[in-house]
Amino acid sequence: NLTDPKDVVKVLIQNFFDFAKSEPKAYSYIMEAHFTELKKISKERPKPKDIFVEAIRLGIEKGDFRKIDENLGAALVIGMMTRTILFFNNG
């Protein structure tokens, strides 16, 4: 049971990379499909990025992370991960 927001974000990042490495076809499908499929999901339904948003929000509240819009923070983290995977996969 993780309670430290920094540890939660570390585990989320590690699991994201592990999934991309162990399931490259599924990862590619998800990355391509999210452009069309996420628009179809109601705004009230939780999205995968919400896990990052919540961890960042808790980290800000605890004083572990600097103040930033938690949605922007999640976008920055997820963007860095996806670009890292793209660069790695393309040499």
PDB file of N, CA and C in Angstrom:
ATOM      1  N   ASN A   1       0.844  -1.182   0.000  1.00  0.00           N
ATOM      2  CA  ASN A   1       0.000   0.000   0.000  1.00  0.00           C
ATOM      3  C   ASN A   1       0.887   1.242   0.000  1.00  0.00           C
ATOM      4  N   LEU A   2       0.935   1.928  -1.112  1.00  0.00           N
ATOM      5  CA  LEU A   2       1.757   3.128  -1.236  1.00  0.00           C
ATOM      6  C   LEU A   2       0.998   4.341  -0.731  1.00  0.00           C
ATOM      7  N   THR A   3       1.642   5.123   0.119  1.00  0.00           N
ATOM      8  CA  THR A   3       1.007   6.338   0.622  1.00  0.00           C
ATOM      9  C   THR A   3       1.808   7.592   0.285  1.00  0.00           C
ATOM     10  N   ASP A   4       3.094   7.445   0.024  1.00  0.00           N
ATOM     11  CA  ASP A   4       3.941   8.591  -0.309  1.00  0.00           C
ATOM     12  C   ASP A   4       3.747   8.936  -1.787  1.00  0.00           C
ATOM     13  N   PRO A   5       3.263  10.147  -2.094  1.00  0.00           N
ATOM     14  CA  PRO A   5       3.013  10.516  -3.489  1.00  0.00           C
ATOM     15  C   PRO A   5       4.233  10.355  -4.399  1.00  0.00           C
ATOM     16  N   LYS A   6       5.431  10.621  -3.872  1.00  0.00           N
ATOM     17  CA  LYS A   6       6.637  10.449  -4.693  1.00  0.00           C
ATOM     18  C   LYS A   6       6.805   8.984  -5.082  1.00  0.00           C
ATOM     19  N   ASP A   7       6.563   8.087  -4.141  1.00  0.00           N
ATOM     20  CA  ASP A   7       6.662   6.652  -4.436  1.00  0.00           C
ATOM     21  C   ASP A   7       5.578   6.209  -5.413  1.00  0.00           C
ATOM     22  N   VAL A   8       4.382   6.771  -5.264  1.00  0.00           N
ATOM     23  CA  VAL A   8       3.285   6.427  -6.174  1.00  0.00           C
ATOM     24  C   VAL A   8       3.664   6.816  -7.598  1.00  0.00           C
ATOM     25  N   VAL A   9       4.181   8.024  -7.785  1.00  0.00           N
ATOM     26  CA  VAL A   9       4.560   8.474  -9.125  1.00  0.00           C
ATOM     27  C   VAL A   9       5.689   7.601  -9.671  1.00  0.00           C
ATOM     28  N   LYS A  10       6.672   7.262  -8.837  1.00  0.00           N
ATOM     29  CA  LYS A  10       7.764   6.385  -9.289  1.00  0.00           C
ATOM     30  C   LYS A  10       7.235   5.034  -9.762  1.00  0.00           C
ATOM     31  N   VAL A  11       6.325   4.453  -8.997  1.00  0.00           N
ATOM     32  CA  VAL A  11       5.759   3.153  -9.356  1.00  0.00           C
ATOM     33  C   VAL A  11       4.929   3.263 -10.638  1.00  0.00           C
ATOM     34  N   LEU A  12       4.151   4.329 -10.768  1.00  0.00           N
ATOM     35  CA  LEU A  12       3.368   4.525 -11.987  1.00  0.00           C
ATOM     36  C   LEU A  12       4.278   4.615 -13.214  1.00  0.00           C
ATOM     37  N   ILE A  13       5.339   5.388 -13.092  1.00  0.00           N
ATOM     38  CA  ILE A  13       6.280   5.533 -14.208  1.00  0.00           C
ATOM     39  C   ILE A  13       6.932   4.202 -14.533  1.00  0.00           C
ATOM     40  N   GLN A  14       7.399   3.494 -13.517  1.00  0.00           N
ATOM     41  CA  GLN A  14       8.050   2.202 -13.749  1.00  0.00           C
ATOM     42  C   GLN A  14       7.083   1.214 -14.404  1.00  0.00           C
ATOM     43  N   ASN A  15       5.847   1.168 -13.923  1.00  0.00           N
ATOM     44  CA  ASN A  15       4.862   0.261 -14.507  1.00  0.00           C
ATOM     45  C   ASN A  15       4.530   0.637 -15.950  1.00  0.00           C
ATOM     46  N   PHE A  16       4.481   1.926 -16.232  1.00  0.00           N
ATOM     47  CA  PHE A  16       4.224   2.391 -17.596  1.00  0.00           C
ATOM     48  C   PHE A  16       5.321   1.881 -18.528  1.00  0.00           C
ATOM     49  N   PHE A  17       6.595   2.072 -18.126  1.00  0.00           N
ATOM     50  CA  PHE A  17       7.720   1.603 -18.935  1.00  0.00           C
ATOM     51  C   PHE A  17       7.731   0.080 -19.044  1.00  0.00           C
ATOM     52  N   ASP A  18       7.462  -0.601 -17.938  1.00  0.00           N
ATOM     53  CA  ASP A  18       7.435  -2.068 -17.954  1.00  0.00           C
ATOM     54  C   ASP A  18       6.381  -2.581 -18.925  1.00  0.00           C
ATOM     55  N   PHE A  19       5.189  -1.962 -18.902  1.00  0.00           N
ATOM     56  CA  PHE A  19       4.124  -2.374 -19.809  1.00  0.00           C
ATOM     57  C   PHE A  19       4.541  -2.154 -21.263  1.00  0.00           C
ATOM     58  N   ALA A  20       5.091  -0.989 -21.559  1.00  0.00           N
ATOM     59  CA  ALA A  20       5.503  -0.684 -22.934  1.00  0.00           C
ATOM     60  C   ALA A  20       6.555  -1.672 -23.425  1.00  0.00           C
ATOM     61  N   LYS A  21       7.440  -2.091 -22.529  1.00  0.00           N
ATOM     62  CA  LYS A  21       8.502  -3.029 -22.911  1.00  0.00           C
ATOM     63  C   LYS A  21       7.983  -4.459 -23.045  1.00  0.00           C
ATOM     64  N   SER A  22       7.130  -4.879 -22.119  1.00  0.00           N
ATOM     65  CA  SER A  22       6.680  -6.275 -22.122  1.00  0.00           C
ATOM     66  C   SER A  22       5.512  -6.524 -23.080  1.00  0.00           C
ATOM     67  N   GLU A  23       4.765  -5.484 -23.404  1.00  0.00           N
ATOM     68  CA  GLU A  23       3.589  -5.613 -24.293  1.00  0.00           C
ATOM     69  C   GLU A  23       3.626  -4.538 -25.378  1.00  0.00           C
ATOM     70  N   PRO A  24       4.654  -4.581 -26.240  1.00  0.00           N
ATOM     71  CA  PRO A  24       4.804  -3.487 -27.213  1.00  0.00           C
ATOM     72  C   PRO A  24       3.626  -3.338 -28.175  1.00  0.00           C
ATOM     73  N   LYS A  25       3.010  -4.442 -28.583  1.00  0.00           N
ATOM     74  CA  LYS A  25       1.873  -4.327 -29.498  1.00  0.00           C
ATOM     75  C   LYS A  25       0.678  -3.697 -28.797  1.00  0.00           C
ATOM     76  N   ALA A  26       0.407  -4.121 -27.575  1.00  0.00           N
ATOM     77  CA  ALA A  26      -0.710  -3.548 -26.822  1.00  0.00           C
ATOM     78  C   ALA A  26      -0.447  -2.074 -26.538  1.00  0.00           C
ATOM     79  N   TYR A  27       0.789  -1.745 -26.172  1.00  0.00           N
ATOM     80  CA  TYR A  27       1.147  -0.348 -25.904  1.00  0.00           C
ATOM     81  C   TYR A  27       0.914   0.498 -27.166  1.00  0.00           C
ATOM     82  N   SER A  28       1.374   0.012 -28.316  1.00  0.00           N
ATOM     83  CA  SER A  28       1.200   0.760 -29.566  1.00  0.00           C
ATOM     84  C   SER A  28      -0.273   0.954 -29.887  1.00  0.00           C
ATOM     85  N   TYR A  29      -1.057  -0.087 -29.699  1.00  0.00           N
ATOM     86  CA  TYR A  29      -2.493   0.004 -29.965  1.00  0.00           C
ATOM     87  C   TYR A  29      -3.135   1.061 -29.070  1.00  0.00           C
ATOM     88  N   ILE A  30      -2.817   1.028 -27.789  1.00  0.00           N
ATOM     89  CA  ILE A  30      -3.393   1.989 -26.839  1.00  0.00           C
ATOM     90  C   ILE A  30      -2.992   3.411 -27.208  1.00  0.00           C
ATOM     91  N   MET A  31      -1.726   3.610 -27.554  1.00  0.00           N
ATOM     92  CA  MET A  31      -1.260   4.951 -27.901  1.00  0.00           C
ATOM     93  C   MET A  31      -1.954   5.469 -29.163  1.00  0.00           C
ATOM     94  N   GLU A  32      -2.157   4.605 -30.140  1.00  0.00           N
ATOM     95  CA  GLU A  32      -2.832   5.039 -31.360  1.00  0.00           C
ATOM     96  C   GLU A  32      -4.324   5.244 -31.131  1.00  0.00           C
ATOM     97  N   ALA A  33      -4.940   4.357 -30.382  1.00  0.00           N
ATOM     98  CA  ALA A  33      -6.391   4.412 -30.188  1.00  0.00           C
ATOM     99  C   ALA A  33      -6.819   5.559 -29.276  1.00  0.00           C
ATOM    100  N   HIS A  34      -5.950   6.006 -28.405  1.00  0.00           N
ATOM    101  CA  HIS A  34      -6.394   7.035 -27.460  1.00  0.00           C
ATOM    102  C   HIS A  34      -6.774   8.344 -28.151  1.00  0.00           C
ATOM    103  N   PHE A  35      -6.252   8.581 -29.328  1.00  0.00           N
ATOM    104  CA  PHE A  35      -6.609   9.806 -30.044  1.00  0.00           C
ATOM    105  C   PHE A  35      -8.072   9.812 -30.456  1.00  0.00           C
ATOM    106  N   THR A  36      -8.611   8.643 -30.768  1.00  0.00           N
ATOM    107  CA  THR A  36     -10.010   8.579 -31.197  1.00  0.00           C
ATOM    108  C   THR A  36     -10.933   8.097 -30.088  1.00  0.00           C
ATOM    109  N   GLU A  37     -10.475   7.175 -29.279  1.00  0.00           N
ATOM    110  CA  GLU A  37     -11.354   6.527 -28.309  1.00  0.00           C
ATOM    111  C   GLU A  37     -11.606   7.367 -27.055  1.00  0.00           C
ATOM    112  N   LEU A  38     -10.642   8.132 -26.592  1.00  0.00           N
ATOM    113  CA  LEU A  38     -10.839   8.925 -25.377  1.00  0.00           C
ATOM    114  C   LEU A  38     -11.941   9.960 -25.551  1.00  0.00           C
ATOM    115  N   LYS A  39     -12.119  10.446 -26.775  1.00  0.00           N
ATOM    116  CA  LYS A  39     -13.181  11.421 -27.027  1.00  0.00           C
ATOM    117  C   LYS A  39     -14.567  10.821 -26.797  1.00  0.00           C
ATOM    118  N   LYS A  40     -14.669   9.509 -26.926  1.00  0.00           N
ATOM    119  CA  LYS A  40     -15.950   8.826 -26.806  1.00  0.00           C
ATOM    120  C   LYS A  40     -16.342   8.535 -25.353  1.00  0.00           C
ATOM    121  N   ILE A  41     -15.392   8.644 -24.443  1.00  0.00           N
ATOM    122  CA  ILE A  41     -15.648   8.341 -23.032  1.00  0.00           C
ATOM    123  C   ILE A  41     -16.186   9.597 -22.351  1.00  0.00           C
ATOM    124  N   SER A  42     -17.226   9.442 -21.552  1.00  0.00           N
ATOM    125  CA  SER A  42     -17.821  10.602 -20.883  1.00  0.00           C
ATOM    126  C   SER A  42     -16.798  11.273 -19.966  1.00  0.00           C
ATOM    127  N   LYS A  43     -16.963  12.563 -19.777  1.00  0.00           N
ATOM    128  CA  LYS A  43     -16.032  13.324 -18.937  1.00  0.00           C
ATOM    129  C   LYS A  43     -16.059  12.865 -17.486  1.00  0.00           C
ATOM    130  N   GLU A  44     -17.166  12.289 -17.062  1.00  0.00           N
ATOM    131  CA  GLU A  44     -17.302  11.836 -15.677  1.00  0.00           C
ATOM    132  C   GLU A  44     -16.551  10.534 -15.410  1.00  0.00           C
ATOM    133  N   ARG A  45     -16.335   9.745 -16.450  1.00  0.00           N
ATOM    134  CA  ARG A  45     -15.669   8.452 -16.282  1.00  0.00           C
ATOM    135  C   ARG A  45     -14.173   8.667 -16.072  1.00  0.00           C
ATOM    136  N   PRO A  46     -13.591   7.999 -15.069  1.00  0.00           N
ATOM    137  CA  PRO A  46     -12.151   8.162 -14.822  1.00  0.00           C
ATOM    138  C   PRO A  46     -11.317   7.733 -16.036  1.00  0.00           C
ATOM    139  N   LYS A  47     -10.230   8.436 -16.253  1.00  0.00           N
ATOM    140  CA  LYS A  47      -9.300   8.147 -17.338  1.00  0.00           C
ATOM    141  C   LYS A  47      -7.976   7.674 -16.725  1.00  0.00           C
ATOM    142  N   PRO A  48      -7.157   6.963 -17.486  1.00  0.00           N
ATOM    143  CA  PRO A  48      -5.870   6.515 -16.950  1.00  0.00           C
ATOM    144  C   PRO A  48      -5.009   7.655 -16.388  1.00  0.00           C
ATOM    145  N   LYS A  49      -5.050   8.810 -17.027  1.00  0.00           N
ATOM    146  CA  LYS A  49      -4.236   9.943 -16.557  1.00  0.00           C
ATOM    147  C   LYS A  49      -4.667  10.438 -15.184  1.00  0.00           C
ATOM    148  N   ASP A  50      -5.891  10.116 -14.780  1.00  0.00           N
ATOM    149  CA  ASP A  50      -6.386  10.575 -13.480  1.00  0.00           C
ATOM    150  C   ASP A  50      -5.581  10.018 -12.312  1.00  0.00           C
ATOM    151  N   ILE A  51      -4.963   8.848 -12.509  1.00  0.00           N
ATOM    152  CA  ILE A  51      -4.120   8.272 -11.457  1.00  0.00           C
ATOM    153  C   ILE A  51      -2.918   9.184 -11.217  1.00  0.00           C
ATOM    154  N   PHE A  52      -2.318   9.670 -12.301  1.00  0.00           N
ATOM    155  CA  PHE A  52      -1.192  10.598 -12.178  1.00  0.00           C
ATOM    156  C   PHE A  52      -1.646  11.921 -11.582  1.00  0.00           C
ATOM    157  N   VAL A  53      -2.790  12.423 -12.043  1.00  0.00           N
ATOM    158  CA  VAL A  53      -3.319  13.695 -11.541  1.00  0.00           C
ATOM    159  C   VAL A  53      -3.496  13.621 -10.025  1.00  0.00           C
ATOM    160  N   GLU A  54      -4.094  12.548  -9.549  1.00  0.00           N
ATOM    161  CA  GLU A  54      -4.349  12.404  -8.114  1.00  0.00           C
ATOM    162  C   GLU A  54      -3.048  12.306  -7.322  1.00  0.00           C
ATOM    163  N   ALA A  55      -2.082  11.542  -7.811  1.00  0.00           N
ATOM    164  CA  ALA A  55      -0.797  11.418  -7.112  1.00  0.00           C
ATOM    165  C   ALA A  55      -0.086  12.767  -7.053  1.00  0.00           C
ATOM    166  N   ILE A  56      -0.130  13.516  -8.128  1.00  0.00           N
ATOM    167  CA  ILE A  56       0.510  14.834  -8.155  1.00  0.00           C
ATOM    168  C   ILE A  56      -0.223  15.795  -7.231  1.00  0.00           C
ATOM    169  N   ARG A  57      -1.552  15.757  -7.244  1.00  0.00           N
ATOM    170  CA  ARG A  57      -2.331  16.621  -6.351  1.00  0.00           C
ATOM    171  C   ARG A  57      -1.966  16.347  -4.891  1.00  0.00           C
ATOM    172  N   LEU A  58      -1.884  15.072  -4.522  1.00  0.00           N
ATOM    173  CA  LEU A  58      -1.522  14.717  -3.146  1.00  0.00           C
ATOM    174  C   LEU A  58      -0.100  15.168  -2.815  1.00  0.00           C
ATOM    175  N   GLY A  59       0.801  15.033  -3.785  1.00  0.00           N
ATOM    176  CA  GLY A  59       2.180  15.473  -3.572  1.00  0.00           C
ATOM    177  C   GLY A  59       2.281  16.976  -3.367  1.00  0.00           C
ATOM    178  N   ILE A  60       1.461  17.728  -4.085  1.00  0.00           N
ATOM    179  CA  ILE A  60       1.432  19.183  -3.917  1.00  0.00           C
ATOM    180  C   ILE A  60       0.893  19.520  -2.532  1.00  0.00           C
ATOM    181  N   GLU A  61      -0.200  18.862  -2.147  1.00  0.00           N
ATOM    182  CA  GLU A  61      -0.792  19.107  -0.824  1.00  0.00           C
ATOM    183  C   GLU A  61       0.183  18.792   0.300  1.00  0.00           C
ATOM    184  N   LYS A  62       0.973  17.726   0.144  1.00  0.00           N
ATOM    185  CA  LYS A  62       1.954  17.325   1.160  1.00  0.00           C
ATOM    186  C   LYS A  62       3.194  18.207   1.147  1.00  0.00           C
ATOM    187  N   GLY A  63       3.379  18.975   0.081  1.00  0.00           N
ATOM    188  CA  GLY A  63       4.567  19.804  -0.046  1.00  0.00           C
ATOM    189  C   GLY A  63       5.736  19.071  -0.692  1.00  0.00           C
ATOM    190  N   ASP A  64       5.482  17.866  -1.221  1.00  0.00           N
ATOM    191  CA  ASP A  64       6.538  17.097  -1.883  1.00  0.00           C
ATOM    192  C   ASP A  64       6.812  17.600  -3.294  1.00  0.00           C
ATOM    193  N   PHE A  65       5.797  18.146  -3.943  1.00  0.00           N
ATOM    194  CA  PHE A  65       5.926  18.658  -5.301  1.00  0.00           C
ATOM    195  C   PHE A  65       5.614  20.146  -5.288  1.00  0.00           C
ATOM    196  N   ARG A  66       6.245  20.862  -6.197  1.00  0.00           N
ATOM    197  CA  ARG A  66       5.961  22.294  -6.275  1.00  0.00           C
ATOM    198  C   ARG A  66       4.552  22.512  -6.796  1.00  0.00           C
ATOM    199  N   LYS A  67       4.026  23.682  -6.532  1.00  0.00           N
ATOM    200  CA  LYS A  67       2.662  23.992  -6.957  1.00  0.00           C
ATOM    201  C   LYS A  67       2.615  24.131  -8.475  1.00  0.00           C
ATOM    202  N   ILE A  68       1.742  23.354  -9.064  1.00  0.00           N
ATOM    203  CA  ILE A  68       1.523  23.362 -10.508  1.00  0.00           C
ATOM    204  C   ILE A  68       0.114  22.807 -10.712  1.00  0.00           C
ATOM    205  N   ASP A  69      -0.526  23.162 -11.780  1.00  0.00           N
ATOM    206  CA  ASP A  69      -1.809  22.544 -12.071  1.00  0.00           C
ATOM    207  C   ASP A  69      -1.569  21.046 -12.203  1.00  0.00           C
ATOM    208  N   GLU A  70      -2.297  20.250 -11.431  1.00  0.00           N
ATOM    209  CA  GLU A  70      -2.036  18.811 -11.411  1.00  0.00           C
ATOM    210  C   GLU A  70      -2.301  18.142 -12.759  1.00  0.00           C
ATOM    211  N   ASN A  71      -3.219  18.690 -13.553  1.00  0.00           N
ATOM    212  CA  ASN A  71      -3.450  18.149 -14.896  1.00  0.00           C
ATOM    213  C   ASN A  71      -2.264  18.437 -15.812  1.00  0.00           C
ATOM    214  N   LEU A  72      -1.700  19.632 -15.690  1.00  0.00           N
ATOM    215  CA  LEU A  72      -0.510  19.964 -16.457  1.00  0.00           C
ATOM    216  C   LEU A  72       0.659  19.092 -16.012  1.00  0.00           C
ATOM    217  N   GLY A  73       0.811  18.899 -14.708  1.00  0.00           N
ATOM    218  CA  GLY A  73       1.873  18.039 -14.191  1.00  0.00           C
ATOM    219  C   GLY A  73       1.762  16.628 -14.733  1.00  0.00           C
ATOM    220  N   ALA A  74       0.541  16.092 -14.739  1.00  0.00           N
ATOM    221  CA  ALA A  74       0.329  14.747 -15.271  1.00  0.00           C
ATOM    222  C   ALA A  74       0.669  14.705 -16.763  1.00  0.00           C
ATOM    223  N   ALA A  75       0.264  15.735 -17.496  1.00  0.00           N
ATOM    224  CA  ALA A  75       0.565  15.785 -18.929  1.00  0.00           C
ATOM    225  C   ALA A  75       2.074  15.823 -19.168  1.00  0.00           C
ATOM    226  N   LEU A  76       2.798  16.574 -18.344  1.00  0.00           N
ATOM    227  CA  LEU A  76       4.252  16.648 -18.492  1.00  0.00           C
ATOM    228  C   LEU A  76       4.902  15.292 -18.241  1.00  0.00           C
ATOM    229  N   VAL A  77       4.490  14.614 -17.181  1.00  0.00           N
ATOM    230  CA  VAL A  77       5.070  13.315 -16.847  1.00  0.00           C
ATOM    231  C   VAL A  77       4.734  12.291 -17.936  1.00  0.00           C
ATOM    232  N   ILE A  78       3.472  12.216 -18.309  1.00  0.00           N
ATOM    233  CA  ILE A  78       3.053  11.245 -19.323  1.00  0.00           C
ATOM    234  C   ILE A  78       3.710  11.550 -20.667  1.00  0.00           C
ATOM    235  N   GLY A  79       3.799  12.821 -21.000  1.00  0.00           N
ATOM    236  CA  GLY A  79       4.462  13.217 -22.245  1.00  0.00           C
ATOM    237  C   GLY A  79       5.925  12.829 -22.265  1.00  0.00           C
ATOM    238  N   MET A  80       6.623  13.027 -21.145  1.00  0.00           N
ATOM    239  CA  MET A  80       8.030  12.630 -21.080  1.00  0.00           C
ATOM    240  C   MET A  80       8.184  11.121 -21.236  1.00  0.00           C
ATOM    241  N   MET A  81       7.280  10.365 -20.622  1.00  0.00           N
ATOM    242  CA  MET A  81       7.363   8.909 -20.730  1.00  0.00           C
ATOM    243  C   MET A  81       7.109   8.448 -22.164  1.00  0.00           C
ATOM    244  N   THR A  82       6.062   8.981 -22.785  1.00  0.00           N
ATOM    245  CA  THR A  82       5.736   8.519 -24.135  1.00  0.00           C
ATOM    246  C   THR A  82       6.820   8.922 -25.134  1.00  0.00           C
ATOM    247  N   ARG A  83       7.399  10.093 -24.974  1.00  0.00           N
ATOM    248  CA  ARG A  83       8.491  10.518 -25.868  1.00  0.00           C
ATOM    249  C   ARG A  83       9.730   9.660 -25.647  1.00  0.00           C
ATOM    250  N   THR A  84      10.018   9.322 -24.398  1.00  0.00           N
ATOM    251  CA  THR A  84      11.164   8.460 -24.107  1.00  0.00           C
ATOM    252  C   THR A  84      10.984   7.110 -24.799  1.00  0.00           C
ATOM    253  N   ILE A  85       9.797   6.537 -24.715  1.00  0.00           N
ATOM    254  CA  ILE A  85       9.524   5.257 -25.361  1.00  0.00           C
ATOM    255  C   ILE A  85       9.632   5.396 -26.874  1.00  0.00           C
ATOM    256  N   LEU A  86       9.097   6.469 -27.437  1.00  0.00           N
ATOM    257  CA  LEU A  86       9.182   6.703 -28.876  1.00  0.00           C
ATOM    258  C   LEU A  86      10.643   6.786 -29.320  1.00  0.00           C
ATOM    259  N   PHE A  87      11.433   7.567 -28.606  1.00  0.00           N
ATOM    260  CA  PHE A  87      12.862   7.710 -28.968  1.00  0.00           C
ATOM    261  C   PHE A  87      13.587   6.380 -28.827  1.00  0.00           C
ATOM    262  N   PHE A  88      13.307   5.647 -27.755  1.00  0.00           N
ATOM    263  CA  PHE A  88      13.951   4.353 -27.534  1.00  0.00           C
ATOM    264  C   PHE A  88      13.588   3.385 -28.664  1.00  0.00           C
ATOM    265  N   ASN A  89      12.316   3.333 -29.021  1.00  0.00           N
ATOM    266  CA  ASN A  89      11.859   2.403 -30.049  1.00  0.00           C
ATOM    267  C   ASN A  89      12.365   2.766 -31.443  1.00  0.00           C
ATOM    268  N   ASN A  90      12.701   4.025 -31.638  1.00  0.00           N
ATOM    269  CA  ASN A  90      13.175   4.467 -32.950  1.00  0.00           C
ATOM    270  C   ASN A  90      14.686   4.681 -33.009  1.00  0.00           C
ATOM    271  N   GLY A  91      15.374   4.179 -32.004  1.00  0.00           N
ATOM    272  CA  GLY A  91      16.837   4.239 -31.985  1.00  0.00           C
ATOM    273  C   GLY A  91      17.372   5.597 -31.649  1.00  0.00           C
TER     274      GLY A  91
END
